[in-house]
Amino acid sequence: MTVISGILLVTVVISLIEVPSLLKKGLKKELWVFGILILLGTGLNIAQGLKIDIPNPLDWINVVYKPFSDFVLGLFK
């Protein structure tokens, strides 16, 4: 529980620093991107703090390109 509290505290501090400057400059699109990325990062950090198995994105890339790799290697045999 302390891990989640720490992550949320850091997220709030970062948001308190960044959001006012984005609002002051009138950067609405950047504010949306910041919000989405901070929520995504917070969620992934909380999941990692709770020891939930998070799949590696490179595994997904490997699954997509494996048939092509096998095809190319088959051409050179």
C-alpha atoms as a PDB file:
ATOM      1  CA  MET A   1       0.000   0.000   0.000  1.00  0.00           C
ATOM      2  CA  THR A   2       2.906   2.360   0.641  1.00  0.00           C
ATOM      3  CA  VAL A   3       4.150   1.753  -2.907  1.00  0.00           C
ATOM      4  CA  ILE A   4       0.828   2.896  -4.353  1.00  0.00           C
ATOM      5  CA  SER A   5       0.762   5.915  -2.051  1.00  0.00           C
ATOM      6  CA  GLY A   6       4.287   6.880  -3.078  1.00  0.00           C
ATOM      7  CA  ILE A   7       3.524   6.553  -6.772  1.00  0.00           C
ATOM      8  CA  LEU A   8       0.352   8.616  -6.429  1.00  0.00           C
ATOM      9  CA  LEU A   9       2.210  11.259  -4.398  1.00  0.00           C
ATOM     10  CA  VAL A  10       4.894  11.588  -7.074  1.00  0.00           C
ATOM     11  CA  THR A  11       2.213  11.773  -9.784  1.00  0.00           C
ATOM     12  CA  VAL A  12       0.386  14.551  -7.947  1.00  0.00           C
ATOM     13  CA  VAL A  13       3.608  16.525  -7.431  1.00  0.00           C
ATOM     14  CA  ILE A  14       4.546  16.215 -11.111  1.00  0.00           C
ATOM     15  CA  SER A  15       1.041  17.255 -12.155  1.00  0.00           C
ATOM     16  CA  LEU A  16       1.057  20.249  -9.790  1.00  0.00           C
ATOM     17  CA  ILE A  17       4.294  21.418 -11.382  1.00  0.00           C
ATOM     18  CA  GLU A  18       3.418  20.825 -15.033  1.00  0.00           C
ATOM     19  CA  VAL A  19      -0.321  21.481 -15.433  1.00  0.00           C
ATOM     20  CA  PRO A  20      -0.349  25.182 -14.417  1.00  0.00           C
ATOM     21  CA  SER A  21       2.371  26.049 -16.928  1.00  0.00           C
ATOM     22  CA  LEU A  22       0.523  24.177 -19.696  1.00  0.00           C
ATOM     23  CA  LEU A  23      -2.712  25.954 -18.837  1.00  0.00           C
ATOM     24  CA  LYS A  24      -0.980  29.343 -18.675  1.00  0.00           C
ATOM     25  CA  LYS A  25       0.527  28.881 -22.135  1.00  0.00           C
ATOM     26  CA  GLY A  26      -2.809  27.696 -23.537  1.00  0.00           C
ATOM     27  CA  LEU A  27      -1.447  24.362 -24.722  1.00  0.00           C
ATOM     28  CA  LYS A  28      -4.630  22.290 -24.679  1.00  0.00           C
ATOM     29  CA  LYS A  29      -3.417  19.493 -26.965  1.00  0.00           C
ATOM     30  CA  GLU A  30      -0.217  19.074 -24.948  1.00  0.00           C
ATOM     31  CA  LEU A  31      -2.257  19.011 -21.745  1.00  0.00           C
ATOM     32  CA  TRP A  32      -4.304  16.083 -23.101  1.00  0.00           C
ATOM     33  CA  VAL A  33      -1.166  14.219 -24.133  1.00  0.00           C
ATOM     34  CA  PHE A  34       0.396  14.885 -20.734  1.00  0.00           C
ATOM     35  CA  GLY A  35      -2.721  13.616 -18.965  1.00  0.00           C
ATOM     36  CA  ILE A  36      -2.902  10.437 -21.006  1.00  0.00           C
ATOM     37  CA  LEU A  37       0.797   9.669 -20.578  1.00  0.00           C
ATOM     38  CA  ILE A  38       0.821  10.403 -16.837  1.00  0.00           C
ATOM     39  CA  LEU A  39      -2.210   8.132 -16.321  1.00  0.00           C
ATOM     40  CA  LEU A  40      -0.647   5.373 -18.402  1.00  0.00           C
ATOM     41  CA  GLY A  41       2.656   5.655 -16.557  1.00  0.00           C
ATOM     42  CA  THR A  42       0.949   5.757 -13.169  1.00  0.00           C
ATOM     43  CA  GLY A  43      -1.132   2.703 -13.967  1.00  0.00           C
ATOM     44  CA  LEU A  44       1.874   0.709 -15.176  1.00  0.00           C
ATOM     45  CA  ASN A  45       3.927   1.713 -12.140  1.00  0.00           C
ATOM     46  CA  ILE A  46       1.156   0.706  -9.755  1.00  0.00           C
ATOM     47  CA  ALA A  47       0.799  -2.634 -11.550  1.00  0.00           C
ATOM     48  CA  GLN A  48       4.534  -3.196 -11.299  1.00  0.00           C
ATOM     49  CA  GLY A  49       4.483  -2.204  -7.635  1.00  0.00           C
ATOM     50  CA  LEU A  50       1.767  -4.795  -7.009  1.00  0.00           C
ATOM     51  CA  LYS A  51       3.953  -7.433  -8.730  1.00  0.00           C
ATOM     52  CA  ILE A  52       1.503  -7.939 -11.609  1.00  0.00           C
ATOM     53  CA  ASP A  53       3.137  -9.555 -14.630  1.00  0.00           C
ATOM     54  CA  ILE A  54       3.312  -6.945 -17.393  1.00  0.00           C
ATOM     55  CA  PRO A  55       4.095  -8.358 -20.846  1.00  0.00           C
ATOM     56  CA  ASN A  56       7.153  -7.044 -22.618  1.00  0.00           C
ATOM     57  CA  PRO A  57       6.342  -5.117 -25.844  1.00  0.00           C
ATOM     58  CA  LEU A  58       9.292  -6.797 -27.555  1.00  0.00           C
ATOM     59  CA  ASP A  59       7.540 -10.145 -27.152  1.00  0.00           C
ATOM     60  CA  TRP A  60       4.609  -8.799 -29.178  1.00  0.00           C
ATOM     61  CA  ILE A  61       6.947  -7.527 -31.893  1.00  0.00           C
ATOM     62  CA  ASN A  62       8.600 -10.941 -31.996  1.00  0.00           C
ATOM     63  CA  VAL A  63       5.221 -12.645 -32.469  1.00  0.00           C
ATOM     64  CA  VAL A  64       4.375 -10.329 -35.374  1.00  0.00           C
ATOM     65  CA  TYR A  65       7.711 -10.685 -37.200  1.00  0.00           C
ATOM     66  CA  LYS A  66       8.424 -14.378 -36.459  1.00  0.00           C
ATOM     67  CA  PRO A  67       6.625 -15.748 -39.577  1.00  0.00           C
ATOM     68  CA  PHE A  68       8.481 -13.294 -41.826  1.00  0.00           C
ATOM     69  CA  SER A  69      11.787 -14.184 -40.182  1.00  0.00           C
ATOM     70  CA  ASP A  70      11.129 -17.890 -40.671  1.00  0.00           C
ATOM     71  CA  PHE A  71      10.268 -17.251 -44.330  1.00  0.00           C
ATOM     72  CA  VAL A  72      13.469 -15.296 -44.980  1.00  0.00           C
ATOM     73  CA  LEU A  73      15.633 -17.849 -43.181  1.00  0.00           C
ATOM     74  CA  GLY A  74      13.949 -20.599 -45.190  1.00  0.00           C
ATOM     75  CA  LEU A  75      14.989 -18.858 -48.425  1.00  0.00           C
ATOM     76  CA  PHE A  76      18.655 -18.919 -47.423  1.00  0.00           C
ATOM     77  CA  LYS A  77      18.791 -22.625 -46.506  1.00  0.00           C
END
